[in-house]
Amino acid sequence: MNDLGPYNPPQIPFHDIIHVDEDLIVANKQSGLLSVPGRGPEKQDCLIHRLQTEFPEASIVHRLDMQTSGVMVFARNKNAQSSLGRSFQNRDVDKNYQAWVLGCPRTQSGNIDLPLITDWPNRPRQKVDYETGKASSTDWHILKVEKDRTLLSLTPITGRSHQLRVHLAEIGHPIIGDPLYAPPEALNLAPRLLLHAYTLTLPHPTTGNSVTFTAALPF
């Protein structure tokens, strides 16, 4: 599967809902499914449209890359959308991802601080640019080590496009199965990008209480 190739989203499950209340819908997005519609009629099948067949009022709050799976939250009313939007903008949302990467880092944990910008001639790729790139920071620590790969816990401090994918590739540990940033030896180890949005913690729009949602690791 390639970000630039034919779009063949998984049909089962049609959607995977984790939680519903009067303000929120929390879903586990499948790898290969767009979060929102893409360009052209063939890319209208996406998670928000699937949810709207059951919850017509559902609206988008944030996105995941097409090939990334895991937790996404959607608003059910205007007040919830405004509240969630502020939470994301003010960085009051804690996100944790898990990913299998090629090789093993030399330390148990660390931080990647590399400025990113769109690689315009090669969109949708992003790249490191020390002159014009936007500040981008990722914390990581090792969860498990196997022969040729390591399972990492990833916490993005900023939310740049493709941030985790570019950061890990730049330090020599690309995410396995990444069609944009992994060399062939890492790309060919899996049929999908092995990156998953594992948990999402945010203030509930109505109560203000911190709530955490989790989607089990699918790989």
N, C-alpha and C. Protein backbone atom coordinates (compact mmCIF):
# COMPACT_ATOMS: atom_id res chain seq x y z
N MET A 1 0.86 -1.18 0.00
CA MET A 1 0.00 0.00 0.00
C MET A 1 0.90 1.24 0.00
N ASN A 2 0.55 2.21 -0.79
CA ASN A 2 1.36 3.42 -0.91
C ASN A 2 0.46 4.63 -0.80
N ASP A 3 0.94 5.67 -0.10
CA ASP A 3 0.15 6.88 0.05
C ASP A 3 -0.23 7.47 -1.31
N LEU A 4 0.57 7.19 -2.35
CA LEU A 4 0.32 7.77 -3.65
C LEU A 4 -0.31 6.78 -4.61
N GLY A 5 -0.60 5.58 -4.19
CA GLY A 5 -1.15 4.55 -5.05
C GLY A 5 -2.66 4.50 -4.99
N PRO A 6 -3.26 3.42 -5.55
CA PRO A 6 -4.72 3.28 -5.55
C PRO A 6 -5.27 3.28 -4.13
N TYR A 7 -6.45 3.84 -3.99
CA TYR A 7 -7.09 3.93 -2.67
C TYR A 7 -8.07 2.78 -2.52
N ASN A 8 -7.74 1.84 -1.66
CA ASN A 8 -8.58 0.68 -1.40
C ASN A 8 -8.78 0.53 0.10
N PRO A 9 -9.63 1.35 0.70
CA PRO A 9 -9.79 1.33 2.15
C PRO A 9 -10.43 0.03 2.63
N PRO A 10 -10.08 -0.42 3.84
CA PRO A 10 -10.71 -1.62 4.39
C PRO A 10 -12.20 -1.39 4.61
N GLN A 11 -13.00 -2.42 4.38
CA GLN A 11 -14.45 -2.31 4.52
C GLN A 11 -14.96 -2.96 5.81
N ILE A 12 -14.14 -3.80 6.41
CA ILE A 12 -14.52 -4.47 7.65
C ILE A 12 -13.43 -4.21 8.68
N PRO A 13 -13.75 -3.60 9.83
CA PRO A 13 -15.07 -3.09 10.19
C PRO A 13 -15.39 -1.78 9.44
N PHE A 14 -16.69 -1.53 9.23
CA PHE A 14 -17.11 -0.30 8.58
C PHE A 14 -16.67 0.89 9.42
N HIS A 15 -16.88 0.80 10.73
CA HIS A 15 -16.24 1.72 11.69
C HIS A 15 -16.12 0.97 13.01
N ASP A 16 -15.22 1.42 13.83
CA ASP A 16 -14.94 0.76 15.12
C ASP A 16 -15.06 1.83 16.21
N ILE A 17 -16.24 1.90 16.83
CA ILE A 17 -16.51 2.95 17.81
C ILE A 17 -16.10 2.49 19.20
N ILE A 18 -15.30 3.33 19.87
CA ILE A 18 -14.81 3.03 21.21
C ILE A 18 -15.73 3.61 22.28
N HIS A 19 -16.26 4.82 22.02
CA HIS A 19 -17.03 5.53 23.04
C HIS A 19 -17.98 6.51 22.36
N VAL A 20 -19.18 6.64 22.92
CA VAL A 20 -20.15 7.65 22.46
C VAL A 20 -20.81 8.27 23.68
N ASP A 21 -20.93 9.61 23.70
CA ASP A 21 -21.78 10.29 24.68
C ASP A 21 -22.43 11.47 23.97
N GLU A 22 -23.04 12.37 24.70
CA GLU A 22 -23.78 13.46 24.07
C GLU A 22 -22.88 14.44 23.32
N ASP A 23 -21.60 14.45 23.66
CA ASP A 23 -20.67 15.40 23.05
C ASP A 23 -19.66 14.76 22.11
N LEU A 24 -19.29 13.52 22.36
CA LEU A 24 -18.15 12.90 21.69
C LEU A 24 -18.50 11.60 21.00
N ILE A 25 -17.76 11.33 19.94
CA ILE A 25 -17.65 9.99 19.37
C ILE A 25 -16.16 9.70 19.30
N VAL A 26 -15.74 8.59 19.85
CA VAL A 26 -14.34 8.18 19.78
C VAL A 26 -14.28 6.89 18.98
N ALA A 27 -13.45 6.89 17.95
CA ALA A 27 -13.38 5.74 17.05
C ALA A 27 -11.93 5.28 16.90
N ASN A 28 -11.78 4.02 16.55
CA ASN A 28 -10.49 3.43 16.24
C ASN A 28 -10.38 3.37 14.72
N LYS A 29 -9.62 4.30 14.14
CA LYS A 29 -9.48 4.35 12.67
C LYS A 29 -8.62 3.20 12.18
N GLN A 30 -9.04 2.60 11.08
CA GLN A 30 -8.27 1.51 10.50
C GLN A 30 -7.18 2.06 9.58
N SER A 31 -6.06 1.36 9.51
CA SER A 31 -5.01 1.72 8.57
C SER A 31 -5.53 1.58 7.14
N GLY A 32 -5.20 2.56 6.30
CA GLY A 32 -5.65 2.54 4.91
C GLY A 32 -6.92 3.31 4.66
N LEU A 33 -7.56 3.82 5.72
CA LEU A 33 -8.79 4.60 5.60
C LEU A 33 -8.49 6.07 5.84
N LEU A 34 -8.92 6.94 4.94
CA LEU A 34 -8.75 8.37 5.13
C LEU A 34 -9.57 8.86 6.32
N SER A 35 -9.06 9.86 7.03
CA SER A 35 -9.82 10.50 8.10
C SER A 35 -10.94 11.37 7.54
N VAL A 36 -10.62 12.10 6.47
CA VAL A 36 -11.56 13.02 5.80
C VAL A 36 -11.48 12.77 4.31
N PRO A 37 -12.45 13.28 3.53
CA PRO A 37 -12.42 13.01 2.09
C PRO A 37 -11.15 13.53 1.43
N GLY A 38 -10.70 12.79 0.42
CA GLY A 38 -9.58 13.23 -0.40
C GLY A 38 -10.09 13.86 -1.68
N ARG A 39 -9.16 14.12 -2.59
CA ARG A 39 -9.54 14.72 -3.88
C ARG A 39 -10.07 13.63 -4.81
N GLY A 40 -11.20 13.92 -5.45
CA GLY A 40 -11.77 12.99 -6.41
C GLY A 40 -12.84 12.11 -5.81
N PRO A 41 -13.77 11.63 -6.64
CA PRO A 41 -14.89 10.82 -6.15
C PRO A 41 -14.45 9.50 -5.54
N GLU A 42 -13.31 8.98 -5.97
CA GLU A 42 -12.85 7.69 -5.46
C GLU A 42 -12.30 7.78 -4.05
N LYS A 43 -12.13 9.01 -3.54
CA LYS A 43 -11.58 9.18 -2.19
C LYS A 43 -12.58 9.83 -1.24
N GLN A 44 -13.86 9.60 -1.49
CA GLN A 44 -14.88 10.13 -0.60
C GLN A 44 -15.17 9.20 0.58
N ASP A 45 -14.82 7.93 0.44
CA ASP A 45 -14.98 6.98 1.54
C ASP A 45 -13.93 7.29 2.60
N CYS A 46 -14.38 7.68 3.79
CA CYS A 46 -13.45 8.08 4.85
C CYS A 46 -14.15 7.88 6.20
N LEU A 47 -13.41 8.01 7.27
CA LEU A 47 -13.99 7.72 8.58
C LEU A 47 -15.11 8.68 8.94
N ILE A 48 -14.94 9.98 8.68
CA ILE A 48 -15.98 10.93 9.07
C ILE A 48 -17.28 10.63 8.30
N HIS A 49 -17.20 10.29 7.01
CA HIS A 49 -18.40 9.97 6.25
C HIS A 49 -19.05 8.68 6.75
N ARG A 50 -18.24 7.71 7.14
CA ARG A 50 -18.80 6.47 7.68
C ARG A 50 -19.52 6.72 9.00
N LEU A 51 -18.93 7.54 9.86
CA LEU A 51 -19.58 7.85 11.13
C LEU A 51 -20.88 8.63 10.92
N GLN A 52 -20.88 9.50 9.91
CA GLN A 52 -22.06 10.34 9.67
C GLN A 52 -23.26 9.53 9.16
N THR A 53 -23.05 8.30 8.69
CA THR A 53 -24.20 7.46 8.33
C THR A 53 -25.01 7.09 9.56
N GLU A 54 -24.36 7.06 10.73
CA GLU A 54 -25.03 6.74 11.99
C GLU A 54 -25.24 7.97 12.86
N PHE A 55 -24.28 8.91 12.76
CA PHE A 55 -24.33 10.15 13.55
C PHE A 55 -24.15 11.32 12.59
N PRO A 56 -25.24 11.79 11.95
CA PRO A 56 -25.12 12.83 10.93
C PRO A 56 -24.48 14.13 11.43
N GLU A 57 -24.56 14.35 12.74
CA GLU A 57 -24.03 15.58 13.32
C GLU A 57 -22.52 15.54 13.57
N ALA A 58 -21.90 14.39 13.38
CA ALA A 58 -20.47 14.24 13.70
C ALA A 58 -19.62 15.21 12.88
N SER A 59 -18.63 15.82 13.54
CA SER A 59 -17.73 16.75 12.85
C SER A 59 -16.29 16.44 13.24
N ILE A 60 -15.39 16.78 12.33
CA ILE A 60 -13.98 16.46 12.49
C ILE A 60 -13.32 17.43 13.47
N VAL A 61 -12.38 16.94 14.25
CA VAL A 61 -11.65 17.76 15.20
C VAL A 61 -10.14 17.71 14.91
N HIS A 62 -9.65 16.53 14.55
CA HIS A 62 -8.23 16.35 14.22
C HIS A 62 -8.15 15.20 13.22
N ARG A 63 -6.97 14.89 12.75
CA ARG A 63 -6.80 13.87 11.72
C ARG A 63 -5.67 12.92 12.07
N LEU A 64 -5.72 11.75 11.44
CA LEU A 64 -4.59 10.83 11.41
C LEU A 64 -4.24 10.58 9.95
N ASP A 65 -2.95 10.33 9.68
CA ASP A 65 -2.54 9.95 8.33
C ASP A 65 -3.35 8.74 7.88
N MET A 66 -3.53 8.60 6.57
CA MET A 66 -4.31 7.49 6.04
C MET A 66 -3.80 6.14 6.56
N GLN A 67 -2.50 5.95 6.59
CA GLN A 67 -1.95 4.65 6.94
C GLN A 67 -1.78 4.45 8.45
N THR A 68 -1.98 5.49 9.22
CA THR A 68 -1.90 5.38 10.68
C THR A 68 -3.24 4.92 11.22
N SER A 69 -3.22 3.97 12.14
CA SER A 69 -4.45 3.51 12.79
C SER A 69 -4.54 4.12 14.18
N GLY A 70 -5.73 3.95 14.80
CA GLY A 70 -5.84 4.32 16.20
C GLY A 70 -6.91 5.33 16.55
N VAL A 71 -6.77 5.89 17.75
CA VAL A 71 -7.82 6.69 18.39
C VAL A 71 -8.02 8.04 17.69
N MET A 72 -9.28 8.32 17.34
CA MET A 72 -9.67 9.64 16.86
C MET A 72 -10.94 10.06 17.59
N VAL A 73 -11.04 11.37 17.90
CA VAL A 73 -12.23 11.89 18.57
C VAL A 73 -12.97 12.83 17.62
N PHE A 74 -14.30 12.77 17.67
CA PHE A 74 -15.17 13.59 16.84
C PHE A 74 -16.19 14.29 17.72
N ALA A 75 -16.60 15.49 17.31
CA ALA A 75 -17.58 16.26 18.09
C ALA A 75 -18.99 15.98 17.58
N ARG A 76 -19.97 16.09 18.50
CA ARG A 76 -21.37 15.86 18.15
C ARG A 76 -22.20 17.13 18.16
N ASN A 77 -21.61 18.26 18.58
CA ASN A 77 -22.35 19.52 18.57
C ASN A 77 -21.33 20.67 18.49
N LYS A 78 -21.84 21.87 18.25
CA LYS A 78 -20.95 23.02 18.04
C LYS A 78 -20.14 23.36 19.29
N ASN A 79 -20.77 23.28 20.46
CA ASN A 79 -20.04 23.59 21.69
C ASN A 79 -18.89 22.61 21.91
N ALA A 80 -19.16 21.33 21.65
CA ALA A 80 -18.10 20.32 21.80
C ALA A 80 -16.99 20.55 20.79
N GLN A 81 -17.35 20.90 19.56
CA GLN A 81 -16.33 21.14 18.55
C GLN A 81 -15.44 22.33 18.92
N SER A 82 -16.05 23.39 19.43
CA SER A 82 -15.27 24.56 19.84
C SER A 82 -14.35 24.22 21.00
N SER A 83 -14.88 23.50 21.99
CA SER A 83 -14.10 23.14 23.16
C SER A 83 -12.94 22.23 22.78
N LEU A 84 -13.21 21.22 21.96
CA LEU A 84 -12.15 20.30 21.55
C LEU A 84 -11.11 21.02 20.69
N GLY A 85 -11.58 21.91 19.82
CA GLY A 85 -10.65 22.67 18.99
C GLY A 85 -9.69 23.49 19.84
N ARG A 86 -10.21 24.12 20.89
CA ARG A 86 -9.34 24.89 21.79
C ARG A 86 -8.35 23.98 22.51
N SER A 87 -8.83 22.81 22.91
CA SER A 87 -7.94 21.88 23.62
C SER A 87 -6.77 21.46 22.74
N PHE A 88 -7.04 21.16 21.48
CA PHE A 88 -5.96 20.79 20.56
C PHE A 88 -5.05 21.98 20.29
N GLN A 89 -5.64 23.16 20.08
CA GLN A 89 -4.84 24.34 19.78
C GLN A 89 -3.95 24.73 20.96
N ASN A 90 -4.46 24.58 22.18
CA ASN A 90 -3.70 24.95 23.37
C ASN A 90 -2.81 23.83 23.89
N ARG A 91 -2.77 22.73 23.15
CA ARG A 91 -1.95 21.57 23.52
C ARG A 91 -2.35 21.00 24.87
N ASP A 92 -3.64 21.00 25.12
CA ASP A 92 -4.17 20.37 26.33
C ASP A 92 -4.53 18.91 26.09
N VAL A 93 -4.15 18.40 24.93
CA VAL A 93 -4.43 17.01 24.55
C VAL A 93 -3.12 16.23 24.57
N ASP A 94 -3.12 15.11 25.27
CA ASP A 94 -1.94 14.24 25.32
C ASP A 94 -2.17 13.06 24.40
N LYS A 95 -1.24 12.86 23.46
CA LYS A 95 -1.35 11.75 22.51
C LYS A 95 -0.17 10.80 22.73
N ASN A 96 -0.47 9.52 22.69
CA ASN A 96 0.60 8.52 22.74
C ASN A 96 0.43 7.55 21.58
N TYR A 97 1.51 7.32 20.89
CA TYR A 97 1.53 6.40 19.76
C TYR A 97 2.48 5.24 20.07
N GLN A 98 2.29 4.14 19.37
CA GLN A 98 3.24 3.05 19.41
C GLN A 98 3.63 2.70 17.98
N ALA A 99 4.89 2.34 17.79
CA ALA A 99 5.38 2.04 16.44
C ALA A 99 6.52 1.03 16.51
N TRP A 100 6.53 0.14 15.55
CA TRP A 100 7.68 -0.74 15.36
C TRP A 100 8.64 -0.04 14.40
N VAL A 101 9.89 0.08 14.81
CA VAL A 101 10.90 0.73 13.99
C VAL A 101 12.03 -0.25 13.68
N LEU A 102 12.76 0.05 12.63
CA LEU A 102 13.89 -0.79 12.23
C LEU A 102 15.07 -0.57 13.19
N GLY A 103 15.70 -1.65 13.63
CA GLY A 103 16.87 -1.55 14.49
C GLY A 103 16.50 -1.23 15.93
N CYS A 104 17.51 -0.85 16.69
CA CYS A 104 17.30 -0.53 18.11
C CYS A 104 18.10 0.70 18.50
N PRO A 105 17.45 1.72 19.06
CA PRO A 105 18.18 2.90 19.53
C PRO A 105 19.21 2.53 20.60
N ARG A 106 20.24 3.34 20.74
CA ARG A 106 21.33 3.06 21.67
C ARG A 106 20.96 3.35 23.12
N THR A 107 19.96 4.20 23.32
CA THR A 107 19.53 4.53 24.68
C THR A 107 18.10 4.07 24.89
N GLN A 108 17.66 4.04 26.16
CA GLN A 108 16.33 3.55 26.49
C GLN A 108 15.24 4.56 26.13
N SER A 109 15.59 5.83 26.12
CA SER A 109 14.61 6.87 25.81
C SER A 109 15.34 8.09 25.27
N GLY A 110 14.57 9.05 24.77
CA GLY A 110 15.19 10.25 24.24
C GLY A 110 14.16 11.23 23.69
N ASN A 111 14.67 12.29 23.09
CA ASN A 111 13.84 13.31 22.47
C ASN A 111 14.42 13.64 21.10
N ILE A 112 13.54 13.79 20.11
CA ILE A 112 13.95 14.20 18.77
C ILE A 112 13.43 15.61 18.55
N ASP A 113 14.34 16.53 18.27
CA ASP A 113 13.99 17.94 18.09
C ASP A 113 14.54 18.39 16.75
N LEU A 114 13.72 18.27 15.70
CA LEU A 114 14.14 18.61 14.35
C LEU A 114 13.03 19.41 13.67
N PRO A 115 13.34 20.60 13.13
CA PRO A 115 12.31 21.44 12.49
C PRO A 115 11.86 20.86 11.16
N LEU A 116 10.56 20.91 10.90
CA LEU A 116 9.99 20.27 9.71
C LEU A 116 9.26 21.28 8.83
N ILE A 117 9.26 20.96 7.55
CA ILE A 117 8.56 21.77 6.56
C ILE A 117 8.11 20.86 5.42
N THR A 118 7.08 21.27 4.68
CA THR A 118 6.63 20.49 3.54
C THR A 118 7.70 20.46 2.45
N ASP A 119 7.96 19.28 1.91
CA ASP A 119 8.87 19.12 0.77
C ASP A 119 8.05 19.32 -0.49
N TRP A 120 7.84 20.59 -0.87
CA TRP A 120 6.85 20.95 -1.89
C TRP A 120 6.99 20.18 -3.20
N PRO A 121 8.18 19.99 -3.76
CA PRO A 121 8.26 19.24 -5.04
C PRO A 121 7.88 17.77 -4.88
N ASN A 122 7.88 17.28 -3.63
CA ASN A 122 7.64 15.86 -3.39
C ASN A 122 6.48 15.63 -2.43
N ARG A 123 5.48 16.52 -2.45
CA ARG A 123 4.32 16.35 -1.58
C ARG A 123 3.68 14.98 -1.78
N PRO A 124 3.19 14.34 -0.70
CA PRO A 124 2.96 14.89 0.64
C PRO A 124 4.14 14.76 1.60
N ARG A 125 5.32 14.45 1.08
CA ARG A 125 6.48 14.29 1.96
C ARG A 125 6.81 15.57 2.71
N GLN A 126 7.33 15.39 3.92
CA GLN A 126 7.86 16.49 4.73
C GLN A 126 9.37 16.28 4.86
N LYS A 127 10.07 17.33 5.29
CA LYS A 127 11.52 17.21 5.42
C LYS A 127 12.03 18.09 6.55
N VAL A 128 13.23 17.79 7.00
CA VAL A 128 13.90 18.62 8.00
C VAL A 128 14.49 19.84 7.31
N ASP A 129 14.26 21.02 7.87
CA ASP A 129 14.81 22.25 7.32
C ASP A 129 15.14 23.17 8.49
N TYR A 130 16.44 23.37 8.73
CA TYR A 130 16.87 24.15 9.89
C TYR A 130 16.66 25.65 9.71
N GLU A 131 16.45 26.10 8.47
CA GLU A 131 16.28 27.53 8.23
C GLU A 131 14.82 27.97 8.28
N THR A 132 13.94 27.21 7.64
CA THR A 132 12.54 27.63 7.54
C THR A 132 11.56 26.64 8.17
N GLY A 133 12.04 25.52 8.67
CA GLY A 133 11.16 24.52 9.26
C GLY A 133 10.54 24.99 10.57
N LYS A 134 9.38 24.41 10.89
CA LYS A 134 8.69 24.72 12.15
C LYS A 134 9.20 23.79 13.24
N ALA A 135 9.35 24.35 14.44
CA ALA A 135 9.84 23.56 15.57
C ALA A 135 9.00 22.31 15.76
N SER A 136 9.65 21.17 15.93
CA SER A 136 8.97 19.89 16.06
C SER A 136 9.72 19.02 17.06
N SER A 137 8.98 18.45 18.01
CA SER A 137 9.61 17.71 19.10
C SER A 137 8.84 16.44 19.40
N THR A 138 9.57 15.35 19.58
CA THR A 138 8.99 14.04 19.88
C THR A 138 9.75 13.36 21.00
N ASP A 139 9.06 12.93 22.05
CA ASP A 139 9.66 12.09 23.09
C ASP A 139 9.42 10.62 22.76
N TRP A 140 10.37 9.76 23.12
CA TRP A 140 10.21 8.34 22.84
C TRP A 140 10.87 7.50 23.93
N HIS A 141 10.37 6.29 24.11
CA HIS A 141 11.07 5.32 24.93
C HIS A 141 10.78 3.90 24.45
N ILE A 142 11.69 3.00 24.73
CA ILE A 142 11.60 1.62 24.25
C ILE A 142 10.62 0.83 25.09
N LEU A 143 9.73 0.08 24.40
CA LEU A 143 8.81 -0.83 25.06
C LEU A 143 9.25 -2.29 24.94
N LYS A 144 9.82 -2.64 23.77
CA LYS A 144 10.16 -4.03 23.50
C LYS A 144 11.20 -4.09 22.39
N VAL A 145 12.13 -5.01 22.49
CA VAL A 145 13.16 -5.18 21.47
C VAL A 145 13.10 -6.60 20.93
N GLU A 146 13.07 -6.72 19.61
CA GLU A 146 13.16 -8.01 18.95
C GLU A 146 14.39 -8.00 18.05
N LYS A 147 14.56 -9.07 17.29
CA LYS A 147 15.80 -9.29 16.54
C LYS A 147 16.22 -8.10 15.68
N ASP A 148 15.30 -7.65 14.82
CA ASP A 148 15.65 -6.60 13.86
C ASP A 148 14.84 -5.34 14.04
N ARG A 149 14.07 -5.26 15.15
CA ARG A 149 13.14 -4.14 15.31
C ARG A 149 12.89 -3.83 16.78
N THR A 150 12.32 -2.64 17.01
CA THR A 150 12.02 -2.18 18.37
C THR A 150 10.64 -1.55 18.40
N LEU A 151 9.87 -1.87 19.45
CA LEU A 151 8.58 -1.23 19.66
C LEU A 151 8.78 -0.01 20.54
N LEU A 152 8.43 1.16 20.01
CA LEU A 152 8.62 2.41 20.72
C LEU A 152 7.28 3.00 21.15
N SER A 153 7.30 3.65 22.32
CA SER A 153 6.22 4.53 22.74
C SER A 153 6.62 5.94 22.34
N LEU A 154 5.71 6.64 21.66
CA LEU A 154 6.01 7.96 21.10
C LEU A 154 5.03 9.00 21.60
N THR A 155 5.56 10.12 22.07
CA THR A 155 4.72 11.22 22.51
C THR A 155 5.09 12.48 21.73
N PRO A 156 4.27 12.89 20.76
CA PRO A 156 4.57 14.11 20.03
C PRO A 156 4.27 15.34 20.88
N ILE A 157 5.27 16.18 21.08
CA ILE A 157 5.09 17.43 21.84
C ILE A 157 4.43 18.47 20.94
N THR A 158 4.79 18.44 19.66
CA THR A 158 4.14 19.27 18.65
C THR A 158 3.35 18.35 17.72
N GLY A 159 2.59 18.92 16.81
CA GLY A 159 1.73 18.11 15.95
C GLY A 159 1.91 18.39 14.48
N ARG A 160 3.14 18.32 14.00
CA ARG A 160 3.40 18.57 12.58
C ARG A 160 3.00 17.38 11.72
N SER A 161 2.69 17.66 10.47
CA SER A 161 2.33 16.60 9.54
C SER A 161 3.49 15.62 9.38
N HIS A 162 3.19 14.33 9.49
CA HIS A 162 4.17 13.25 9.34
C HIS A 162 5.32 13.34 10.35
N GLN A 163 5.10 14.07 11.44
CA GLN A 163 6.20 14.33 12.38
C GLN A 163 6.90 13.06 12.86
N LEU A 164 6.14 12.09 13.35
CA LEU A 164 6.75 10.88 13.90
C LEU A 164 7.50 10.11 12.82
N ARG A 165 6.92 10.05 11.65
CA ARG A 165 7.51 9.30 10.55
C ARG A 165 8.85 9.91 10.12
N VAL A 166 8.89 11.23 9.98
CA VAL A 166 10.12 11.90 9.55
C VAL A 166 11.17 11.84 10.66
N HIS A 167 10.77 12.14 11.89
CA HIS A 167 11.72 12.15 13.00
C HIS A 167 12.42 10.81 13.15
N LEU A 168 11.67 9.73 13.11
CA LEU A 168 12.28 8.42 13.30
C LEU A 168 13.17 8.03 12.12
N ALA A 169 12.75 8.38 10.92
CA ALA A 169 13.60 8.10 9.76
C ALA A 169 14.92 8.88 9.86
N GLU A 170 14.83 10.12 10.35
CA GLU A 170 16.02 10.97 10.42
C GLU A 170 17.05 10.47 11.43
N ILE A 171 16.61 9.77 12.48
CA ILE A 171 17.57 9.26 13.46
C ILE A 171 18.00 7.83 13.13
N GLY A 172 17.61 7.36 11.95
CA GLY A 172 18.08 6.06 11.50
C GLY A 172 17.24 4.87 11.93
N HIS A 173 16.03 5.14 12.43
CA HIS A 173 15.12 4.07 12.85
C HIS A 173 13.74 4.28 12.23
N PRO A 174 13.64 4.14 10.90
CA PRO A 174 12.37 4.40 10.23
C PRO A 174 11.28 3.44 10.71
N ILE A 175 10.03 3.92 10.65
CA ILE A 175 8.91 3.06 11.01
C ILE A 175 8.75 2.00 9.94
N ILE A 176 8.62 0.75 10.38
CA ILE A 176 8.47 -0.36 9.45
C ILE A 176 7.18 -0.20 8.64
N GLY A 177 7.29 -0.47 7.34
CA GLY A 177 6.13 -0.39 6.46
C GLY A 177 5.80 1.01 5.96
N ASP A 178 6.69 1.99 6.18
CA ASP A 178 6.40 3.37 5.77
C ASP A 178 6.78 3.57 4.30
N PRO A 179 5.78 3.79 3.41
CA PRO A 179 6.07 3.91 1.98
C PRO A 179 6.74 5.22 1.60
N LEU A 180 6.71 6.21 2.47
CA LEU A 180 7.29 7.51 2.13
C LEU A 180 8.70 7.70 2.68
N TYR A 181 8.99 7.14 3.83
CA TYR A 181 10.25 7.48 4.51
C TYR A 181 11.14 6.29 4.83
N ALA A 182 10.65 5.07 4.67
CA ALA A 182 11.45 3.90 5.03
C ALA A 182 12.22 3.38 3.81
N PRO A 183 13.47 2.97 3.99
CA PRO A 183 14.19 2.30 2.91
C PRO A 183 13.58 0.92 2.67
N PRO A 184 13.92 0.27 1.54
CA PRO A 184 13.30 -1.01 1.20
C PRO A 184 13.38 -2.07 2.29
N GLU A 185 14.50 -2.11 3.02
CA GLU A 185 14.65 -3.15 4.04
C GLU A 185 13.67 -2.98 5.19
N ALA A 186 13.19 -1.74 5.43
CA ALA A 186 12.17 -1.50 6.46
C ALA A 186 10.77 -1.54 5.87
N LEU A 187 10.61 -1.02 4.66
CA LEU A 187 9.31 -1.00 4.00
C LEU A 187 8.77 -2.41 3.81
N ASN A 188 9.63 -3.33 3.41
CA ASN A 188 9.19 -4.66 3.03
C ASN A 188 8.94 -5.60 4.20
N LEU A 189 9.14 -5.13 5.42
CA LEU A 189 8.93 -5.99 6.59
C LEU A 189 7.48 -6.05 7.03
N ALA A 190 6.61 -5.22 6.46
CA ALA A 190 5.20 -5.21 6.86
C ALA A 190 4.34 -4.71 5.71
N PRO A 191 3.07 -5.16 5.63
CA PRO A 191 2.17 -4.72 4.56
C PRO A 191 1.52 -3.38 4.83
N ARG A 192 1.77 -2.79 6.01
CA ARG A 192 1.19 -1.51 6.36
C ARG A 192 2.19 -0.74 7.21
N LEU A 193 1.92 0.55 7.38
CA LEU A 193 2.70 1.38 8.29
C LEU A 193 2.43 0.93 9.72
N LEU A 194 3.46 0.55 10.44
CA LEU A 194 3.29 0.05 11.81
C LEU A 194 3.34 1.19 12.81
N LEU A 195 2.39 2.11 12.66
CA LEU A 195 2.23 3.27 13.54
C LEU A 195 0.78 3.33 13.99
N HIS A 196 0.57 3.43 15.31
CA HIS A 196 -0.77 3.34 15.87
C HIS A 196 -0.96 4.40 16.95
N ALA A 197 -2.05 5.17 16.85
CA ALA A 197 -2.42 6.14 17.89
C ALA A 197 -3.05 5.36 19.04
N TYR A 198 -2.27 5.13 20.09
CA TYR A 198 -2.64 4.19 21.15
C TYR A 198 -3.59 4.80 22.18
N THR A 199 -3.25 5.99 22.69
CA THR A 199 -4.13 6.64 23.66
C THR A 199 -4.29 8.12 23.32
N LEU A 200 -5.42 8.66 23.77
CA LEU A 200 -5.71 10.09 23.61
C LEU A 200 -6.34 10.56 24.92
N THR A 201 -5.74 11.57 25.55
CA THR A 201 -6.24 12.12 26.81
C THR A 201 -6.57 13.60 26.60
N LEU A 202 -7.79 13.99 27.01
CA LEU A 202 -8.21 15.37 26.79
C LEU A 202 -9.26 15.77 27.82
N PRO A 203 -9.50 17.09 27.98
CA PRO A 203 -10.57 17.55 28.86
C PRO A 203 -11.92 17.32 28.18
N HIS A 204 -12.86 16.71 28.91
CA HIS A 204 -14.18 16.50 28.33
C HIS A 204 -14.85 17.86 28.09
N PRO A 205 -15.49 18.05 26.93
CA PRO A 205 -16.07 19.37 26.60
C PRO A 205 -17.08 19.89 27.60
N THR A 206 -17.83 19.00 28.26
CA THR A 206 -18.86 19.44 29.18
C THR A 206 -18.37 19.50 30.62
N THR A 207 -17.73 18.44 31.08
CA THR A 207 -17.32 18.36 32.48
C THR A 207 -15.97 19.00 32.75
N GLY A 208 -15.12 19.06 31.74
CA GLY A 208 -13.76 19.54 31.94
C GLY A 208 -12.85 18.50 32.55
N ASN A 209 -13.40 17.35 32.95
CA ASN A 209 -12.59 16.29 33.53
C ASN A 209 -11.71 15.64 32.47
N SER A 210 -10.52 15.23 32.88
CA SER A 210 -9.62 14.55 31.96
C SER A 210 -10.13 13.15 31.67
N VAL A 211 -10.25 12.80 30.38
CA VAL A 211 -10.69 11.47 29.98
C VAL A 211 -9.66 10.88 29.03
N THR A 212 -9.45 9.57 29.13
CA THR A 212 -8.47 8.88 28.30
C THR A 212 -9.16 7.76 27.53
N PHE A 213 -8.83 7.68 26.24
CA PHE A 213 -9.38 6.63 25.38
C PHE A 213 -8.22 5.85 24.78
N THR A 214 -8.41 4.53 24.66
CA THR A 214 -7.33 3.65 24.22
C THR A 214 -7.85 2.73 23.12
N ALA A 215 -7.00 2.49 22.12
CA ALA A 215 -7.27 1.49 21.08
C ALA A 215 -6.13 0.49 21.08
N ALA A 216 -6.45 -0.78 21.30
CA ALA A 216 -5.43 -1.81 21.42
C ALA A 216 -4.54 -1.86 20.18
N LEU A 217 -3.29 -2.18 20.38
CA LEU A 217 -2.32 -2.27 19.28
C LEU A 217 -2.74 -3.38 18.32
N PRO A 218 -2.91 -3.08 17.03
CA PRO A 218 -3.42 -4.07 16.08
C PRO A 218 -2.33 -4.90 15.39
N PHE A 219 -1.08 -4.64 15.70
CA PHE A 219 0.00 -5.38 15.02
C PHE A 219 1.04 -5.84 16.01
